[in-house]
Amino acid sequence: MTDTTRSFSILAVCGFLVALAATVDGALAGPAYRFDLLSLREAFALLRWAAYGGAAGGVVCILGLINTRPGSPRKGFWLAFVGLVIGAAVFWLPFSQQRAARSVPPIHDITTDTANPPEFRAVLALRAGRGNSPAYGGALVARQQHAAYPDIQPVRFAGAPDKVFSAALDTARGMGWRIVASVPDQGRIEAVDTTFWFGFRDDIVIRVTDVSGGTRIDLRSASRVGVSDIGTNARRIRRFLRSLRSSVGNT
């Protein structure tokens, strides 16, 4: 029997199509929320069902691989293999996000100074009507942050405040943040960072303080929506401080 007379395995084809449909659903979850076509809860539900679809498609593709193994009378081995890879990826993404959420505390407001957090001012109008309050959560949030992210601390530089302020502003711009306010005489920079997929807008305030022997930088990054940020704000602060250190040198 030549390859042209062999028919495609229904299992391989169906498994691939289910995995492909799950991929499309999952990919659309973020843009649908970003453009206000779905609520956040609905977008997460779509992502969850995409994961279920990816798992189902993967299982069917495994059966398709068995059905199309070398020497069998059915074609579609590589179709089933690709479908299995796609299905596994679609399932793994939300599953890994869920695992990440469980590994960090359910907080969304991270700062280098939990005793006296930098205050939001210019971005307050942008946060109006959003789910999360701009007010800092106090001692409970501080304890959870210190336990999960003990490295998030103020940073001191030997440079003069005006030079550090300029470097901080350049660093924020270099990270793609939208600058909302830049007030050198108050040592305050406020910005917004937008995540790629869902388009979540997180607010940042940078405080530059003249201290004995140099300049102190404090940073605060807070999500507008959601209970847990899955570590996003802490990672943002780390990236910013790493970049700033490379610009002005940490003492």
Protein backbone atom coordinates (compact mmCIF):
# COMPACT_ATOMS: atom_id res chain seq x y z
CA MET A 1 0.00 0.00 0.00
CA THR A 2 1.47 3.33 -1.03
CA ASP A 3 1.23 6.46 1.07
CA THR A 4 -1.25 8.05 -1.38
CA THR A 5 -3.83 5.33 -0.71
CA ARG A 6 -3.67 5.73 3.08
CA SER A 7 -6.37 7.85 4.68
CA PHE A 8 -5.83 10.35 7.48
CA SER A 9 -6.59 9.26 11.00
CA ILE A 10 -9.74 10.93 12.33
CA LEU A 11 -8.15 10.98 15.78
CA ALA A 12 -5.06 12.81 14.50
CA VAL A 13 -7.11 15.37 12.58
CA CYS A 14 -9.63 15.97 15.39
CA GLY A 15 -6.93 16.21 18.04
CA PHE A 16 -4.99 18.75 15.99
CA LEU A 17 -8.10 20.86 15.29
CA VAL A 18 -9.16 20.86 18.95
CA ALA A 19 -5.65 21.91 20.05
CA LEU A 20 -5.59 24.61 17.35
CA ALA A 21 -9.01 25.94 18.40
CA ALA A 22 -7.84 26.04 22.02
CA THR A 23 -4.79 28.04 20.94
CA VAL A 24 -6.97 30.61 19.17
CA ASP A 25 -9.28 30.91 22.19
CA GLY A 26 -6.36 31.37 24.56
CA ALA A 27 -4.66 33.90 22.31
CA LEU A 28 -7.85 35.95 22.06
CA ALA A 29 -8.42 36.14 25.84
CA GLY A 30 -5.91 38.95 26.37
CA PRO A 31 -6.89 41.18 23.40
CA ALA A 32 -10.61 40.65 24.14
CA TYR A 33 -10.09 42.06 27.64
CA ARG A 34 -7.70 44.73 26.46
CA PHE A 35 -10.29 46.12 24.01
CA ASP A 36 -13.19 45.82 26.47
CA LEU A 37 -14.89 42.96 24.64
CA LEU A 38 -14.76 40.77 27.75
CA SER A 39 -14.59 41.45 31.46
CA LEU A 40 -11.51 40.27 33.32
CA ARG A 41 -13.46 37.37 34.80
CA GLU A 42 -14.75 36.37 31.36
CA ALA A 43 -11.26 36.62 29.84
CA PHE A 44 -9.81 34.41 32.56
CA ALA A 45 -12.68 31.95 32.04
CA LEU A 46 -11.88 31.85 28.32
CA LEU A 47 -8.24 31.20 29.16
CA ARG A 48 -9.26 28.41 31.53
CA TRP A 49 -11.45 26.75 28.91
CA ALA A 50 -8.64 27.09 26.39
CA ALA A 51 -6.43 25.15 28.80
CA TYR A 52 -9.08 22.43 29.07
CA GLY A 53 -9.31 22.36 25.29
CA GLY A 54 -5.56 22.10 24.96
CA ALA A 55 -5.50 19.17 27.38
CA ALA A 56 -8.36 17.44 25.56
CA GLY A 57 -6.74 18.00 22.18
CA GLY A 58 -3.46 16.66 23.52
CA VAL A 59 -5.11 13.45 24.77
CA VAL A 60 -6.81 12.90 21.41
CA CYS A 61 -3.50 13.55 19.66
CA ILE A 62 -1.83 10.88 21.78
CA LEU A 63 -4.45 8.44 20.56
CA GLY A 64 -3.80 9.77 17.07
CA LEU A 65 -0.09 9.04 17.45
CA ILE A 66 -0.88 5.48 18.40
CA ASN A 67 -3.31 5.22 15.51
CA THR A 68 -0.77 6.52 12.99
CA ARG A 69 2.40 4.89 14.29
CA PRO A 70 4.85 3.67 11.62
CA GLY A 71 3.46 0.64 9.83
CA SER A 72 -0.17 1.52 10.52
CA PRO A 73 -2.69 2.01 7.69
CA ARG A 74 -3.44 5.62 8.73
CA LYS A 75 -1.67 8.89 7.96
CA GLY A 76 -1.31 11.89 10.25
CA PHE A 77 1.49 10.99 12.67
CA TRP A 78 3.18 14.40 12.41
CA LEU A 79 -0.18 16.18 12.51
CA ALA A 80 -0.94 14.44 15.78
CA PHE A 81 2.55 15.20 17.09
CA VAL A 82 2.23 18.93 16.32
CA GLY A 83 -1.24 18.95 17.87
CA LEU A 84 0.14 17.33 21.02
CA VAL A 85 2.86 19.99 21.32
CA ILE A 86 0.35 22.80 20.75
CA GLY A 87 -2.16 21.34 23.21
CA ALA A 88 0.51 20.90 25.88
CA ALA A 89 1.67 24.50 25.44
CA VAL A 90 -1.89 25.88 25.65
CA PHE A 91 -2.50 23.88 28.83
CA TRP A 92 0.85 24.73 30.40
CA LEU A 93 0.63 28.51 30.14
CA PRO A 94 -2.38 29.10 32.45
CA PHE A 95 -1.31 26.17 34.64
CA SER A 96 2.13 27.73 35.17
CA GLN A 97 0.51 31.10 35.90
CA GLN A 98 -1.69 29.47 38.51
CA ARG A 99 1.34 27.83 40.11
CA ALA A 100 3.16 31.16 40.11
CA ALA A 101 0.18 32.84 41.80
CA ARG A 102 0.24 30.25 44.56
CA SER A 103 3.97 30.71 45.12
CA VAL A 104 3.71 34.42 46.00
CA PRO A 105 1.50 36.34 48.45
CA PRO A 106 -1.83 37.77 47.19
CA ILE A 107 -0.59 41.36 47.04
CA HIS A 108 -0.28 43.83 44.17
CA ASP A 109 1.43 46.90 45.68
CA ILE A 110 5.21 46.62 46.09
CA THR A 111 7.56 49.31 47.38
CA THR A 112 11.14 49.72 48.55
CA ASP A 113 9.87 51.69 51.56
CA THR A 114 6.98 49.96 53.34
CA ALA A 115 7.18 52.34 56.32
CA ASN A 116 6.75 55.47 54.19
CA PRO A 117 5.75 54.42 50.65
CA PRO A 118 6.10 56.97 47.84
CA GLU A 119 2.69 58.52 47.19
CA PHE A 120 0.79 58.50 43.92
CA ARG A 121 -0.39 61.93 42.83
CA ALA A 122 -0.47 62.49 39.09
CA VAL A 123 -1.78 58.98 38.31
CA LEU A 124 -4.69 59.17 40.75
CA ALA A 125 -7.05 60.45 38.05
CA LEU A 126 -6.05 57.52 35.84
CA ARG A 127 -6.86 55.04 38.61
CA ALA A 128 -10.34 56.46 39.29
CA GLY A 129 -12.97 53.74 39.16
CA ARG A 130 -10.40 50.94 39.03
CA GLY A 131 -10.58 47.94 41.32
CA ASN A 132 -7.58 48.60 43.57
CA SER A 133 -7.25 51.53 45.93
CA PRO A 134 -4.16 53.75 45.50
CA ALA A 135 -3.76 53.77 49.29
CA TYR A 136 -1.03 51.48 50.61
CA GLY A 137 -2.31 48.39 52.42
CA GLY A 138 -0.29 48.91 55.60
CA ALA A 139 1.44 46.48 57.93
CA LEU A 140 -0.21 43.32 56.62
CA VAL A 141 0.94 43.98 53.06
CA ALA A 142 4.38 45.03 54.31
CA ARG A 143 4.85 41.76 56.23
CA GLN A 144 3.87 39.69 53.23
CA GLN A 145 6.20 41.65 50.98
CA HIS A 146 9.19 41.34 53.33
CA ALA A 147 8.65 37.59 53.56
CA ALA A 148 8.33 37.08 49.79
CA TYR A 149 10.67 39.77 48.42
CA PRO A 150 13.30 40.60 51.06
CA ASP A 151 15.59 42.04 48.37
CA ILE A 152 13.21 44.89 47.54
CA GLN A 153 14.97 47.67 49.42
CA PRO A 154 15.91 51.36 48.93
CA VAL A 155 19.08 52.01 46.95
CA ARG A 156 21.65 54.71 47.63
CA PHE A 157 23.92 56.36 45.11
CA ALA A 158 26.91 58.64 45.57
CA GLY A 159 25.76 60.99 42.82
CA ALA A 160 23.94 64.28 43.31
CA PRO A 161 20.11 64.13 43.35
CA ASP A 162 19.68 66.01 40.08
CA LYS A 163 21.97 63.60 38.23
CA VAL A 164 20.33 60.53 39.76
CA PHE A 165 16.89 61.98 38.98
CA SER A 166 17.87 62.44 35.33
CA ALA A 167 19.25 58.90 35.17
CA ALA A 168 16.08 57.52 36.80
CA LEU A 169 13.91 59.35 34.25
CA ASP A 170 16.00 58.03 31.36
CA THR A 171 15.83 54.52 32.82
CA ALA A 172 12.04 54.67 33.12
CA ARG A 173 11.74 55.83 29.52
CA GLY A 174 14.17 53.14 28.41
CA MET A 175 11.93 50.50 29.98
CA GLY A 176 9.03 51.68 27.85
CA TRP A 177 7.05 53.28 30.67
CA ARG A 178 4.73 56.17 29.84
CA ILE A 179 5.83 59.13 31.93
CA VAL A 180 2.85 60.83 33.59
CA ALA A 181 4.76 63.31 35.78
CA SER A 182 8.35 64.43 36.20
CA VAL A 183 8.87 66.93 39.02
CA PRO A 184 12.60 67.45 39.74
CA ASP A 185 12.12 69.89 42.63
CA GLN A 186 9.98 67.29 44.43
CA GLY A 187 12.16 64.37 43.36
CA ARG A 188 9.10 62.58 41.96
CA ILE A 189 8.54 60.64 38.76
CA GLU A 190 5.25 58.89 38.01
CA ALA A 191 4.72 56.48 35.15
CA VAL A 192 2.48 53.77 33.76
CA ASP A 193 3.62 50.39 32.46
CA THR A 194 1.29 48.31 30.26
CA THR A 195 1.63 44.54 30.07
CA PHE A 196 1.85 43.01 26.61
CA TRP A 197 -0.92 40.41 26.43
CA PHE A 198 -3.80 41.57 28.61
CA GLY A 199 -2.81 45.22 28.56
CA PHE A 200 -2.89 45.55 32.36
CA ARG A 201 -1.84 49.06 33.42
CA ASP A 202 0.37 49.24 36.49
CA ASP A 203 1.37 52.53 38.08
CA ILE A 204 4.87 53.43 39.26
CA VAL A 205 6.15 56.27 41.39
CA ILE A 206 9.87 56.97 41.87
CA ARG A 207 11.09 59.10 44.77
CA VAL A 208 14.54 60.69 44.67
CA THR A 209 15.75 61.95 48.05
CA ASP A 210 18.85 63.93 49.02
CA VAL A 211 20.52 62.10 51.91
CA SER A 212 23.80 62.50 53.70
CA GLY A 213 26.59 61.48 51.35
CA GLY A 214 24.44 60.93 48.30
CA THR A 215 20.99 60.18 46.95
CA ARG A 216 18.37 57.62 47.91
CA ILE A 217 15.97 56.04 45.41
CA ASP A 218 12.63 54.58 46.44
CA LEU A 219 10.20 52.97 44.09
CA ARG A 220 6.60 51.81 44.26
CA SER A 221 4.78 49.73 41.66
CA ALA A 222 1.08 48.89 42.03
CA SER A 223 -1.49 47.11 39.87
CA ARG A 224 -4.79 48.79 39.12
CA VAL A 225 -6.76 45.54 39.03
CA GLY A 226 -6.39 42.06 40.52
CA VAL A 227 -5.68 40.72 43.98
CA SER A 228 -2.34 39.09 43.14
CA ASP A 229 0.18 40.43 40.65
CA ILE A 230 1.97 37.04 40.40
CA GLY A 231 5.22 38.81 41.26
CA THR A 232 5.04 41.27 38.36
CA ASN A 233 5.59 44.45 40.38
CA ALA A 234 8.57 43.03 42.26
CA ARG A 235 10.17 41.94 38.99
CA ARG A 236 9.56 45.40 37.54
CA ILE A 237 11.27 47.10 40.48
CA ARG A 238 14.23 44.73 40.27
CA ARG A 239 14.66 45.39 36.54
CA PHE A 240 14.49 49.14 37.05
CA LEU A 241 17.03 49.19 39.88
CA ARG A 242 19.38 46.88 37.96
CA SER A 243 19.26 49.18 34.98
CA LEU A 244 19.67 52.31 37.11
CA ARG A 245 22.68 50.84 38.90
CA SER A 246 24.35 50.17 35.58
CA SER A 247 23.72 53.79 34.60
CA VAL A 248 25.00 55.63 37.67
CA GLY A 249 26.86 52.99 39.70
CA ASN A 250 25.72 51.67 43.07
CA THR A 251 27.72 52.62 46.15
